[in-house]
Amino acid sequence: MTRSRQPYDVIVIGSGVCGALTAWTLATRGRRVLILEAGMSTSDRSTLIGNYAASATQSIGATYSDPENDQFAPTEDTAPSYYVYATPLHYKSTYQRRVGGSTWHFLGNMPRFLPPDFQLRRRYGVGVDWPLAYDDLEQFYCDAEHAIGVSGDHALWNTATLGHRSRPFPMSKIWESYSDRVFRRRLPDDLVVGGAQVRLMTTPQARNSRPYDGRPACAGNSSCVPICPIQAKYDGTVHVKKAVLAGAELRDRCVVSRIVADPASGAVTRVYFHTWDKEEHSVTSRIVVLAAHAIESARILLYSNLANRSDQVGRNLMDHLQGTVVAIAPEPVYPFRGPPTTSGIDAFRDGMFRSEHGAFRLSLGNDGWGRAETVDQGLARLITDERQIGTALRRRAAEHFQSLLRFSYSTEMLPRPENRVELDDSGNIDAFGIPRPRFSFAIDDYSRNAFTAAQDACVKIFESVGATQAAYKPPPPEPGVASSDLYLSAGHISGTCRMGRNAKTSVVDRDCRAHDHENLFVVGSSVFPTEGTANPTLTAAAVTLRSTRAMNSTIEGSG
């Protein structure tokens, strides 16, 4: 075993967007920063693009799969046997363990949380309240939008309902797809569904509408998931590079196993990690920031037996449970050009109904029927079900594929302690002998009722624009899972290290500092008490930027 003789001011574990922003912010303040990343650096984007182009499935896993990375930094993306399941219903969202993290393959939608999202218990009697309010984060939302580079319509989103904005977006909105424009033209101005005024809105996005921060404008390559070939879409490597330029040290292929704390003071004193040659090392610093995403952060804390006086580490695991409603447009909409989605309907994100069922947000797809029926599946159906061949098949395929419409609904979950990540105790270990994550996951009526409401809303909206064959497309059946519990994953992993004021019921405080350890911080969507309906990345980034003030003060106070 080797030990570093030179302590750092801060060790950041994980180089996704929140770890990268932390490292960059503190490095620019003159702090000595070490970033430990379990996965590898990817300096050659063209290799990943080649993997994507050459893959028969063109899946996320095919794009990022690498024999070494899959062995030493596995996830379900690239090593599908990594998760261990304790329940018939599986937790389906995945993530990347590589420099830049999951922002490599995220969609890039960047709406803010709504003000009521922070007060679910106070307003609707369900879930829990955040120890922060919208106003506490507003300036940091602006900072995050400018750091990441978010394109959006300031006038459209600067409302009391959606949350006031003190600064415009750094870029104007991403242009709407042709299908969006057709849909908007046909949508009745006075349409009310479920008591809500329906309005199609462009979605703020972490992709450039003009050259920004040394990166080009979006060229409409339409492969945002799993990869932007030109880096017009933001990913965490942007701020990893900025952090390194500011003096931070990056060590990739370093899998953190445990963090050690002083038994008397509770202060964390040392971080142990394995390099891919299976050598164990350790290093010290004034503070430690755990930014390894909701699953790996919980796994490290559980293996370290830290920050869990409340017994909340690993609990309250959430995701935005998704479903798809499809339809045939009354005129050609020519999908598959530009980002997979550029607009959505935000009318169902808040209301008194949240006391009975989850809120939901609708995204209007620009990718045909998406995962509900891929192009190859659709073509096979035209051949087998409609018996089309030859010229007739070409004509029918052209007619069909140019008219596909899709809504995906993302529904909020309530935090439930039974939904959790644990260390597996039945011998399932990783390459370094550390127990793999085991999942317990179930859906309750709050989510099931939201599914029904979302499906009904989608059908009514499609019918209002003259679309036909509007129908919910259920996911494939799963052994032991009721049809009402089938869902698609959003990749919006949150919970497991809840933020709160009470050390007995939460893991970290409002500054993301562990209640049990004054110099240990946890950042990312793992600290979310509830998840609202917004994609989590922007809020996670804003919370992280806010917490760097407390990190910097702690470093100063440590002498």
Protein backbone atom coordinates (compact mmCIF):
# COMPACT_ATOMS: atom_id res chain seq x y z
CA MET A 1 0.00 0.00 0.00
CA THR A 2 1.25 3.48 -0.82
CA ARG A 3 0.19 6.71 0.85
CA SER A 4 0.34 10.26 -0.40
CA ARG A 5 2.49 12.50 1.80
CA GLN A 6 0.96 15.71 0.48
CA PRO A 7 -2.58 16.39 1.61
CA TYR A 8 -4.94 18.28 -0.64
CA ASP A 9 -7.47 20.92 0.31
CA VAL A 10 -10.23 18.85 -1.24
CA ILE A 11 -10.68 15.42 -2.76
CA VAL A 12 -13.59 15.24 -5.19
CA ILE A 13 -14.83 11.69 -5.77
CA GLY A 14 -16.44 11.52 -9.20
CA SER A 15 -16.03 13.70 -12.29
CA GLY A 16 -19.60 14.08 -13.52
CA VAL A 17 -21.18 17.49 -13.78
CA CYS A 18 -21.41 18.11 -10.01
CA GLY A 19 -17.93 16.83 -9.24
CA ALA A 20 -16.52 18.81 -12.16
CA LEU A 21 -18.26 22.03 -11.12
CA THR A 22 -17.03 21.57 -7.55
CA ALA A 23 -13.45 20.98 -8.66
CA TRP A 24 -13.51 23.93 -11.06
CA THR A 25 -15.04 26.34 -8.55
CA LEU A 26 -12.60 25.49 -5.75
CA ALA A 27 -9.57 25.31 -8.03
CA THR A 28 -10.28 28.80 -9.35
CA ARG A 29 -10.24 29.96 -5.71
CA GLY A 30 -6.72 28.64 -5.33
CA ARG A 31 -7.57 25.41 -3.56
CA ARG A 32 -5.50 22.28 -4.09
CA VAL A 33 -7.97 19.89 -5.68
CA LEU A 34 -7.69 16.19 -6.48
CA ILE A 35 -10.36 14.52 -8.61
CA LEU A 36 -10.64 10.74 -8.29
CA GLU A 37 -12.62 9.10 -11.09
CA ALA A 38 -13.41 5.38 -11.21
CA GLY A 39 -13.62 5.23 -15.00
CA MET A 40 -11.36 6.25 -17.82
CA SER A 41 -10.78 9.50 -19.62
CA THR A 42 -12.09 9.67 -23.18
CA SER A 43 -10.00 12.09 -25.14
CA ASP A 44 -11.01 10.75 -28.54
CA ARG A 45 -14.71 11.48 -29.07
CA SER A 46 -14.48 10.03 -32.57
CA THR A 47 -13.89 6.54 -31.14
CA LEU A 48 -17.17 6.69 -29.22
CA ILE A 49 -18.96 8.03 -32.28
CA GLY A 50 -17.51 5.12 -34.24
CA ASN A 51 -18.79 2.67 -31.63
CA TYR A 52 -22.24 4.20 -31.99
CA ALA A 53 -22.21 4.14 -35.78
CA ALA A 54 -20.98 0.57 -35.95
CA SER A 55 -23.42 -0.82 -33.41
CA ALA A 56 -26.43 -2.77 -34.61
CA THR A 57 -28.48 -1.55 -31.64
CA GLN A 58 -26.92 1.93 -31.35
CA SER A 59 -27.58 1.72 -27.62
CA ILE A 60 -25.93 3.64 -24.81
CA GLY A 61 -24.02 0.54 -23.74
CA ALA A 62 -22.71 -0.14 -27.24
CA THR A 63 -21.41 3.41 -27.50
CA TYR A 64 -19.47 3.42 -24.23
CA SER A 65 -18.66 -0.23 -23.71
CA ASP A 66 -14.96 -0.98 -23.28
CA PRO A 67 -13.55 -4.25 -21.90
CA GLU A 68 -11.36 -2.50 -19.33
CA ASN A 69 -13.89 0.10 -18.23
CA ASP A 70 -16.63 -2.54 -18.07
CA GLN A 71 -14.48 -4.65 -15.76
CA PHE A 72 -13.27 -2.00 -13.33
CA ALA A 73 -15.98 0.68 -13.46
CA PRO A 74 -19.11 -1.23 -14.48
CA THR A 75 -22.70 -0.04 -14.57
CA GLU A 76 -25.81 -1.47 -16.16
CA ASP A 77 -25.02 0.69 -19.19
CA THR A 78 -22.01 -1.40 -20.08
CA ALA A 79 -22.08 -4.49 -17.83
CA PRO A 80 -25.76 -5.44 -17.47
CA SER A 81 -25.16 -7.90 -14.65
CA TYR A 82 -23.81 -5.20 -12.32
CA TYR A 83 -27.07 -4.46 -10.50
CA VAL A 84 -28.40 -7.01 -8.01
CA TYR A 85 -32.17 -7.06 -7.50
CA ALA A 86 -34.06 -7.89 -4.33
CA THR A 87 -37.53 -7.26 -5.81
CA PRO A 88 -39.36 -8.39 -8.98
CA LEU A 89 -39.65 -4.80 -10.18
CA HIS A 90 -36.23 -3.64 -11.29
CA TYR A 91 -34.72 -0.21 -10.98
CA LYS A 92 -33.91 0.58 -14.60
CA SER A 93 -32.04 3.87 -14.77
CA THR A 94 -28.32 3.70 -15.35
CA TYR A 95 -25.30 5.99 -15.38
CA GLN A 96 -21.74 6.30 -16.66
CA ARG A 97 -18.56 5.86 -14.63
CA ARG A 98 -16.05 7.75 -16.74
CA VAL A 99 -14.58 11.24 -16.84
CA GLY A 100 -17.58 13.48 -17.51
CA GLY A 101 -20.06 11.02 -16.04
CA SER A 102 -23.59 10.51 -17.30
CA THR A 103 -23.75 13.88 -19.04
CA TRP A 104 -22.06 12.09 -21.93
CA HIS A 105 -25.40 10.50 -22.78
CA PHE A 106 -28.00 12.68 -21.08
CA LEU A 107 -30.70 14.32 -23.21
CA GLY A 108 -29.80 17.83 -22.05
CA ASN A 109 -33.21 19.21 -21.04
CA MET A 110 -32.69 21.91 -18.41
CA PRO A 111 -35.91 23.19 -16.82
CA ARG A 112 -35.74 24.47 -13.26
CA PHE A 113 -37.75 23.04 -10.39
CA LEU A 114 -40.97 24.95 -9.75
CA PRO A 115 -41.22 26.88 -6.46
CA PRO A 116 -43.82 24.42 -5.04
CA ASP A 117 -41.50 21.48 -5.74
CA PHE A 118 -39.50 22.44 -2.67
CA GLN A 119 -42.57 22.37 -0.38
CA LEU A 120 -44.45 19.19 -1.21
CA ARG A 121 -45.32 18.36 2.41
CA ARG A 122 -46.33 21.89 3.37
CA ARG A 123 -48.52 22.44 0.32
CA TYR A 124 -49.97 19.00 -0.41
CA GLY A 125 -49.41 16.87 2.67
CA VAL A 126 -47.21 14.28 0.94
CA GLY A 127 -43.50 13.61 0.70
CA VAL A 128 -41.14 15.93 2.57
CA ASP A 129 -40.04 19.56 2.26
CA TRP A 130 -36.60 20.66 1.18
CA PRO A 131 -34.55 22.73 3.64
CA LEU A 132 -34.11 25.14 0.72
CA ALA A 133 -36.65 27.24 -1.15
CA TYR A 134 -36.65 28.32 -4.79
CA ASP A 135 -35.42 31.79 -3.80
CA ASP A 136 -32.43 30.24 -2.02
CA LEU A 137 -31.33 28.70 -5.32
CA GLU A 138 -32.39 31.30 -7.88
CA GLN A 139 -29.01 33.05 -8.23
CA PHE A 140 -27.30 29.64 -8.38
CA TYR A 141 -29.72 28.49 -11.08
CA CYS A 142 -28.51 31.48 -13.09
CA ASP A 143 -24.87 30.65 -12.34
CA ALA A 144 -25.41 27.03 -13.40
CA GLU A 145 -27.15 28.04 -16.62
CA HIS A 146 -24.26 30.31 -17.57
CA ALA A 147 -21.57 27.81 -16.55
CA ILE A 148 -23.14 24.91 -18.44
CA GLY A 149 -24.50 26.96 -21.34
CA VAL A 150 -28.28 26.72 -21.47
CA SER A 151 -30.38 27.86 -24.42
CA GLY A 152 -33.86 29.09 -23.59
CA ASP A 153 -36.60 31.68 -23.92
CA HIS A 154 -36.27 34.01 -20.94
CA ALA A 155 -39.60 35.79 -21.45
CA LEU A 156 -41.48 32.51 -21.73
CA TRP A 157 -40.01 31.00 -18.55
CA ASN A 158 -39.83 34.12 -16.38
CA THR A 159 -43.20 33.80 -14.62
CA ALA A 160 -44.44 33.49 -11.06
CA THR A 161 -45.74 30.00 -11.78
CA LEU A 162 -42.56 28.67 -13.34
CA GLY A 163 -40.28 30.67 -11.07
CA HIS A 164 -38.95 34.19 -11.49
CA ARG A 165 -35.64 34.60 -13.30
CA SER A 166 -33.17 37.33 -12.34
CA ARG A 167 -30.98 36.83 -15.44
CA PRO A 168 -31.70 35.80 -19.03
CA PHE A 169 -30.45 32.50 -20.40
CA PRO A 170 -26.95 32.85 -21.83
CA MET A 171 -28.28 31.81 -25.25
CA SER A 172 -31.55 32.15 -27.12
CA LYS A 173 -33.71 29.04 -27.42
CA ILE A 174 -32.87 26.04 -29.55
CA TRP A 175 -35.01 26.29 -32.67
CA GLU A 176 -38.18 24.23 -32.63
CA SER A 177 -38.39 21.13 -34.78
CA TYR A 178 -40.74 21.11 -37.75
CA SER A 179 -43.03 18.69 -35.92
CA ASP A 180 -43.23 21.16 -33.01
CA ARG A 181 -44.31 23.93 -35.37
CA VAL A 182 -47.00 21.76 -36.94
CA PHE A 183 -48.22 20.70 -33.52
CA ARG A 184 -48.28 24.27 -32.20
CA ARG A 185 -50.25 25.50 -35.21
CA ARG A 186 -52.91 22.83 -34.70
CA LEU A 187 -53.16 23.06 -30.91
CA PRO A 188 -56.33 24.95 -29.88
CA ASP A 189 -55.60 28.14 -27.97
CA ASP A 190 -58.33 27.41 -25.43
CA LEU A 191 -57.61 23.74 -24.79
CA VAL A 192 -58.09 22.77 -21.13
CA VAL A 193 -57.33 19.23 -19.97
CA GLY A 194 -57.76 18.12 -16.38
CA GLY A 195 -58.36 21.71 -15.35
CA ALA A 196 -55.06 22.89 -16.83
CA GLN A 197 -54.55 25.26 -19.75
CA VAL A 198 -52.49 23.31 -22.30
CA ARG A 199 -49.63 25.18 -23.92
CA LEU A 200 -46.65 23.91 -25.92
CA MET A 201 -43.42 25.48 -24.64
CA THR A 202 -39.86 25.29 -25.91
CA THR A 203 -37.65 23.47 -23.42
CA PRO A 204 -34.44 25.01 -22.02
CA GLN A 205 -31.55 22.83 -23.09
CA ALA A 206 -27.84 22.36 -22.37
CA ARG A 207 -26.96 22.62 -26.03
CA ASN A 208 -25.64 25.61 -27.87
CA SER A 209 -27.90 27.66 -30.10
CA ARG A 210 -24.76 29.62 -31.08
CA PRO A 211 -21.05 29.10 -30.53
CA TYR A 212 -20.53 29.27 -26.77
CA ASP A 213 -17.61 28.65 -24.44
CA GLY A 214 -15.42 27.36 -27.28
CA ARG A 215 -18.01 24.80 -28.42
CA PRO A 216 -20.04 24.92 -31.66
CA ALA A 217 -23.76 25.44 -32.15
CA CYS A 218 -26.04 22.41 -32.39
CA ALA A 219 -25.99 21.00 -35.93
CA GLY A 220 -29.07 18.81 -35.51
CA ASN A 221 -27.24 15.47 -35.60
CA SER A 222 -30.16 13.95 -33.61
CA SER A 223 -27.96 11.53 -31.65
CA CYS A 224 -27.93 13.52 -28.39
CA VAL A 225 -28.65 10.23 -26.64
CA PRO A 226 -26.20 8.54 -26.55
CA ILE A 227 -23.64 11.05 -27.84
CA CYS A 228 -23.29 14.51 -29.35
CA PRO A 229 -20.65 14.12 -32.06
CA ILE A 230 -19.51 17.78 -31.94
CA GLN A 231 -19.96 18.61 -28.20
CA ALA A 232 -22.58 21.25 -28.90
CA LYS A 233 -24.38 19.55 -26.01
CA TYR A 234 -22.69 20.10 -22.66
CA ASP A 235 -20.99 17.28 -20.81
CA GLY A 236 -18.97 17.19 -17.61
CA THR A 237 -15.61 17.02 -19.38
CA VAL A 238 -16.02 20.75 -20.09
CA HIS A 239 -15.54 21.63 -16.42
CA VAL A 240 -13.08 18.83 -15.74
CA LYS A 241 -10.82 20.48 -18.30
CA LYS A 242 -11.45 23.92 -16.79
CA ALA A 243 -10.62 22.54 -13.33
CA VAL A 244 -7.36 21.03 -14.57
CA LEU A 245 -6.41 24.30 -16.28
CA ALA A 246 -7.06 26.04 -12.95
CA GLY A 247 -4.64 23.69 -11.20
CA ALA A 248 -6.72 20.68 -10.18
CA GLU A 249 -5.23 17.20 -10.49
CA LEU A 250 -7.26 14.49 -12.23
CA ARG A 251 -6.60 10.82 -11.60
CA ASP A 252 -8.81 8.53 -13.63
CA ARG A 253 -9.08 4.73 -13.23
CA CYS A 254 -9.15 5.17 -9.45
CA VAL A 255 -12.04 3.32 -7.81
CA VAL A 256 -12.74 4.69 -4.34
CA SER A 257 -13.64 1.94 -1.90
CA ARG A 258 -13.98 3.70 1.45
CA ILE A 259 -13.59 6.89 3.38
CA VAL A 260 -12.24 6.77 6.93
CA ALA A 261 -13.25 9.13 9.75
CA ASP A 262 -11.71 9.85 13.12
CA PRO A 263 -13.80 8.00 15.74
CA ALA A 264 -13.59 10.85 18.22
CA SER A 265 -14.20 13.95 16.11
CA GLY A 266 -16.09 12.40 13.21
CA ALA A 267 -13.91 14.28 10.73
CA VAL A 268 -13.03 12.28 7.63
CA THR A 269 -9.29 11.71 7.49
CA ARG A 270 -8.43 9.50 4.53
CA VAL A 271 -9.78 8.20 1.23
CA TYR A 272 -8.83 4.71 0.03
CA PHE A 273 -8.97 3.77 -3.62
CA HIS A 274 -7.84 1.05 -6.01
CA THR A 275 -6.15 1.73 -9.31
CA TRP A 276 -6.98 -0.58 -12.18
CA ASP A 277 -3.80 -2.57 -11.54
CA LYS A 278 -5.56 -3.55 -8.27
CA GLU A 279 -3.11 -1.69 -6.06
CA GLU A 280 -4.65 0.05 -3.06
CA HIS A 281 -3.70 3.66 -2.32
CA SER A 282 -4.87 6.33 0.06
CA VAL A 283 -4.78 10.11 0.21
CA THR A 284 -5.74 12.84 2.67
CA SER A 285 -7.29 16.27 2.38
CA ARG A 286 -9.00 18.95 4.44
CA ILE A 287 -12.44 18.10 3.04
CA VAL A 288 -13.90 15.31 0.93
CA VAL A 289 -16.68 15.84 -1.62
CA LEU A 290 -18.57 12.74 -2.68
CA ALA A 291 -19.93 13.29 -6.19
CA ALA A 292 -20.21 9.72 -7.43
CA HIS A 293 -23.91 9.82 -8.37
CA ALA A 294 -26.78 8.58 -6.24
CA ILE A 295 -25.96 4.88 -6.47
CA GLU A 296 -22.18 4.90 -6.14
CA SER A 297 -22.17 7.66 -3.50
CA ALA A 298 -24.53 5.60 -1.34
CA ARG A 299 -22.47 2.48 -1.97
CA ILE A 300 -19.26 4.19 -0.83
CA LEU A 301 -20.89 5.59 2.32
CA LEU A 302 -22.42 2.23 3.20
CA TYR A 303 -19.12 0.40 2.66
CA SER A 304 -17.37 3.06 4.76
CA ASN A 305 -20.07 2.93 7.47
CA LEU A 306 -20.26 6.73 7.40
CA ALA A 307 -22.94 9.45 7.51
CA ASN A 308 -25.66 6.95 8.37
CA ARG A 309 -26.70 7.73 11.92
CA SER A 310 -30.14 8.46 10.44
CA ASP A 311 -30.28 5.10 8.61
CA GLN A 312 -31.19 7.07 5.47
CA VAL A 313 -28.14 6.36 3.31
CA GLY A 314 -29.31 4.41 0.28
CA ARG A 315 -32.99 5.00 1.05
CA ASN A 316 -35.60 7.12 -0.77
CA LEU A 317 -34.34 6.11 -4.21
CA MET A 318 -36.38 7.82 -6.92
CA ASP A 319 -36.64 8.21 -10.68
CA HIS A 320 -39.05 9.87 -13.08
CA LEU A 321 -41.17 6.94 -14.17
CA GLN A 322 -41.95 7.28 -17.84
CA GLY A 323 -44.48 6.03 -20.33
CA THR A 324 -45.25 6.71 -23.97
CA VAL A 325 -48.42 7.68 -25.81
CA VAL A 326 -48.17 7.60 -29.61
CA ALA A 327 -50.31 8.86 -32.48
CA ILE A 328 -50.39 9.45 -36.23
CA ALA A 329 -50.24 13.12 -37.21
CA PRO A 330 -52.90 14.48 -39.58
CA GLU A 331 -50.14 15.75 -41.87
CA PRO A 332 -46.44 14.96 -42.32
CA VAL A 333 -44.25 16.13 -39.44
CA TYR A 334 -40.93 14.67 -40.68
CA PRO A 335 -39.35 13.52 -37.39
CA PHE A 336 -35.77 12.36 -36.78
CA ARG A 337 -34.23 15.75 -37.56
CA GLY A 338 -32.63 17.76 -34.78
CA PRO A 339 -32.65 16.98 -31.03
CA PRO A 340 -34.98 14.18 -29.88
CA THR A 341 -37.20 16.74 -28.16
CA THR A 342 -37.28 20.53 -28.26
CA SER A 343 -40.67 21.32 -26.69
CA GLY A 344 -43.00 20.07 -24.01
CA ILE A 345 -46.13 20.73 -21.99
CA ASP A 346 -45.57 21.97 -18.45
CA ALA A 347 -49.23 22.45 -17.49
CA PHE A 348 -49.38 19.33 -15.30
CA ARG A 349 -46.30 19.96 -13.19
CA ASP A 350 -48.21 21.45 -10.26
CA GLY A 351 -51.70 21.60 -8.80
CA MET A 352 -53.80 20.45 -5.88
CA PHE A 353 -53.96 17.02 -7.52
CA ARG A 354 -50.48 16.44 -6.09
CA SER A 355 -52.11 15.51 -2.80
CA GLU A 356 -53.55 12.48 -4.65
CA HIS A 357 -51.13 11.63 -7.45
CA GLY A 358 -47.79 12.65 -8.86
CA ALA A 359 -47.24 15.61 -11.13
CA PHE A 360 -45.95 14.96 -14.62
CA ARG A 361 -44.29 16.73 -17.50
CA LEU A 362 -44.89 15.91 -21.18
CA SER A 363 -42.13 15.96 -23.77
CA LEU A 364 -43.17 16.07 -27.42
CA GLY A 365 -40.91 13.67 -29.24
CA ASN A 366 -39.02 14.40 -32.42
CA ASP A 367 -37.84 10.79 -32.78
CA GLY A 368 -40.84 8.94 -34.19
CA TRP A 369 -42.30 6.64 -31.59
CA GLY A 370 -39.02 6.49 -29.64
CA ARG A 371 -38.55 3.43 -27.47
CA ALA A 372 -42.22 2.47 -27.88
CA GLU A 373 -41.48 1.28 -31.41
CA THR A 374 -38.09 1.81 -33.01
CA VAL A 375 -37.77 2.25 -36.76
CA ASP A 376 -36.64 -1.33 -37.33
CA GLN A 377 -39.53 -2.62 -35.21
CA GLY A 378 -41.97 -0.43 -37.11
CA LEU A 379 -40.65 -1.64 -40.43
CA ALA A 380 -40.92 -5.26 -39.33
CA ARG A 381 -44.54 -4.64 -38.30
CA LEU A 382 -45.38 -3.19 -41.70
CA ILE A 383 -43.96 -6.32 -43.29
CA THR A 384 -45.45 -8.93 -40.99
CA ASP A 385 -48.76 -7.36 -39.93
CA GLU A 386 -49.66 -5.34 -43.00
CA ARG A 387 -48.01 -7.75 -45.46
CA GLN A 388 -46.25 -4.96 -47.30
CA ILE A 389 -43.38 -5.72 -49.68
CA GLY A 390 -41.48 -4.05 -52.52
CA THR A 391 -42.72 -0.73 -53.88
CA ALA A 392 -45.83 -0.87 -51.72
CA LEU A 393 -43.65 -1.26 -48.62
CA ARG A 394 -41.50 1.74 -49.57
CA ARG A 395 -44.59 3.86 -50.15
CA ARG A 396 -46.25 2.72 -46.91
CA ALA A 397 -43.04 3.21 -44.88
CA ALA A 398 -42.60 6.75 -46.19
CA GLU A 399 -46.20 7.57 -45.33
CA HIS A 400 -45.96 6.02 -41.87
CA PHE A 401 -42.60 7.27 -40.62
CA GLN A 402 -43.10 10.88 -41.68
CA SER A 403 -46.26 11.15 -39.56
CA LEU A 404 -45.25 9.75 -36.17
CA LEU A 405 -46.01 11.69 -32.99
CA ARG A 406 -45.01 10.77 -29.45
CA PHE A 407 -45.50 12.13 -25.97
CA SER A 408 -43.39 10.79 -23.14
CA TYR A 409 -44.61 11.56 -19.66
CA SER A 410 -42.23 11.83 -16.73
CA THR A 411 -43.99 11.40 -13.40
CA GLU A 412 -42.68 12.29 -9.97
CA MET A 413 -42.27 9.65 -7.29
CA LEU A 414 -42.63 10.13 -3.57
CA PRO A 415 -39.55 9.31 -1.50
CA ARG A 416 -40.10 5.96 0.21
CA PRO A 417 -37.55 4.42 2.58
CA GLU A 418 -38.31 0.95 1.18
CA ASN A 419 -36.99 2.00 -2.23
CA ARG A 420 -33.31 1.72 -1.63
CA VAL A 421 -29.76 0.78 -2.57
CA GLU A 422 -27.89 -1.59 -0.25
CA LEU A 423 -24.65 -3.52 -0.35
CA ASP A 424 -25.28 -7.01 -1.63
CA ASP A 425 -24.47 -9.65 0.99
CA SER A 426 -24.70 -12.78 -1.15
CA GLY A 427 -21.26 -12.74 -2.73
CA ASN A 428 -21.83 -10.41 -5.68
CA ILE A 429 -18.68 -8.28 -5.73
CA ASP A 430 -16.85 -6.06 -8.19
CA ALA A 431 -13.30 -6.47 -9.46
CA PHE A 432 -11.93 -5.12 -6.17
CA GLY A 433 -14.02 -7.28 -3.87
CA ILE A 434 -16.51 -4.53 -2.97
CA PRO A 435 -20.16 -5.66 -2.76
CA ARG A 436 -22.22 -4.60 -5.75
CA PRO A 437 -25.37 -2.48 -5.28
CA ARG A 438 -28.60 -4.32 -4.51
CA PHE A 439 -31.92 -2.67 -5.27
CA SER A 440 -35.33 -2.86 -3.64
CA PHE A 441 -37.89 -0.96 -5.70
CA ALA A 442 -41.68 -0.72 -5.89
CA ILE A 443 -44.33 1.66 -7.22
CA ASP A 444 -47.23 2.95 -5.13
CA ASP A 445 -50.69 4.33 -5.97
CA TYR A 446 -49.35 7.89 -6.05
CA SER A 447 -47.38 6.95 -9.16
CA ARG A 448 -49.97 4.59 -10.65
CA ASN A 449 -52.65 7.28 -10.49
CA ALA A 450 -50.25 9.71 -12.18
CA PHE A 451 -49.74 7.23 -15.03
CA THR A 452 -53.49 7.13 -15.64
CA ALA A 453 -53.82 10.92 -15.55
CA ALA A 454 -50.85 11.38 -17.90
CA GLN A 455 -52.08 8.82 -20.41
CA ASP A 456 -55.53 10.40 -20.48
CA ALA A 457 -54.06 13.89 -20.96
CA CYS A 458 -51.82 12.75 -23.82
CA VAL A 459 -54.69 11.11 -25.71
CA LYS A 460 -56.92 14.18 -25.34
CA ILE A 461 -54.18 16.54 -26.50
CA PHE A 462 -53.39 14.39 -29.53
CA GLU A 463 -57.07 14.22 -30.46
CA SER A 464 -57.31 18.01 -30.17
CA VAL A 465 -54.74 18.46 -32.96
CA GLY A 466 -56.46 15.96 -35.22
CA ALA A 467 -54.04 13.08 -34.63
CA THR A 468 -55.40 9.55 -35.00
CA GLN A 469 -54.70 6.19 -33.38
CA ALA A 470 -53.67 7.93 -30.15
CA ALA A 471 -52.88 5.18 -27.66
CA TYR A 472 -50.71 4.30 -24.71
CA LYS A 473 -47.89 1.95 -25.65
CA PRO A 474 -47.13 -0.26 -22.64
CA PRO A 475 -43.58 -1.51 -22.08
CA PRO A 476 -42.94 -5.23 -22.59
CA PRO A 477 -44.23 -7.50 -19.79
CA GLU A 478 -41.85 -8.48 -17.02
CA PRO A 479 -41.94 -11.66 -14.88
CA GLY A 480 -43.73 -11.11 -11.59
CA VAL A 481 -44.60 -7.46 -12.36
CA ALA A 482 -48.20 -6.25 -12.65
CA SER A 483 -49.07 -4.46 -15.88
CA SER A 484 -49.95 -1.34 -13.85
CA ASP A 485 -46.34 -1.18 -12.61
CA LEU A 486 -44.60 -1.39 -15.97
CA TYR A 487 -42.65 1.74 -16.74
CA LEU A 488 -39.79 3.15 -18.77
CA SER A 489 -36.83 4.75 -17.02
CA ALA A 490 -35.86 8.39 -17.40
CA GLY A 491 -32.27 8.09 -16.20
CA HIS A 492 -33.11 10.62 -13.50
CA ILE A 493 -31.55 8.83 -10.54
CA SER A 494 -32.14 10.72 -7.30
CA GLY A 495 -32.41 10.24 -3.56
CA THR A 496 -30.24 7.96 -1.36
CA CYS A 497 -28.46 10.78 0.57
CA ARG A 498 -31.36 13.06 1.46
CA MET A 499 -30.84 16.70 2.41
CA GLY A 500 -32.67 17.97 5.48
CA ARG A 501 -32.55 20.03 8.65
CA ASN A 502 -32.97 17.08 11.01
CA ALA A 503 -29.95 14.82 11.44
CA LYS A 504 -32.27 12.02 12.55
CA THR A 505 -34.13 11.90 9.23
CA SER A 506 -31.58 13.06 6.65
CA VAL A 507 -27.97 12.53 5.57
CA VAL A 508 -26.74 16.04 4.72
CA ASP A 509 -27.74 19.57 5.67
CA ARG A 510 -28.81 22.41 3.37
CA ASP A 511 -25.14 23.02 2.46
CA CYS A 512 -24.71 19.36 1.45
CA ARG A 513 -22.51 18.75 4.50
CA ALA A 514 -22.94 15.37 6.17
CA HIS A 515 -24.64 15.79 9.53
CA ASP A 516 -22.20 13.30 11.06
CA HIS A 517 -18.95 14.60 9.55
CA GLU A 518 -18.14 18.32 9.37
CA ASN A 519 -15.67 17.99 6.49
CA LEU A 520 -17.60 15.51 4.30
CA PHE A 521 -19.92 16.83 1.59
CA VAL A 522 -22.21 14.97 -0.80
CA VAL A 523 -23.33 16.63 -4.03
CA GLY A 524 -25.55 15.62 -6.91
CA SER A 525 -29.14 14.47 -7.24
CA SER A 526 -28.54 11.99 -4.43
CA VAL A 527 -29.30 14.80 -1.95
CA PHE A 528 -32.77 15.56 -3.39
CA PRO A 529 -35.51 15.12 -0.75
CA THR A 530 -38.12 15.04 -3.55
CA GLU A 531 -37.70 15.19 -7.31
CA GLY A 532 -40.48 17.31 -8.83
CA THR A 533 -40.84 16.79 -12.58
CA ALA A 534 -37.81 18.67 -13.95
CA ASN A 535 -34.80 16.85 -15.31
CA PRO A 536 -32.47 16.84 -12.29
CA THR A 537 -29.16 18.05 -13.73
CA LEU A 538 -29.70 21.81 -13.54
CA THR A 539 -31.01 21.72 -9.96
CA ALA A 540 -28.16 19.40 -8.92
CA ALA A 541 -25.69 21.85 -10.46
CA ALA A 542 -27.30 24.83 -8.73
CA VAL A 543 -27.30 23.09 -5.34
CA THR A 544 -23.66 22.13 -5.90
CA LEU A 545 -22.57 25.67 -6.75
CA ARG A 546 -24.34 26.93 -3.64
CA SER A 547 -22.61 24.33 -1.47
CA THR A 548 -19.12 25.30 -2.66
CA ARG A 549 -19.38 28.37 -0.42
CA ALA A 550 -19.58 26.15 2.65
CA MET A 551 -16.80 23.93 1.30
CA ASN A 552 -14.51 26.91 0.83
CA SER A 553 -15.30 28.22 4.31
CA THR A 554 -14.56 24.82 5.83
CA ILE A 555 -11.19 24.70 4.08
CA GLU A 556 -10.37 28.17 5.40
CA GLY A 557 -11.45 27.20 8.90
CA SER A 558 -9.31 24.08 8.92
CA GLY A 559 -6.17 26.15 9.03
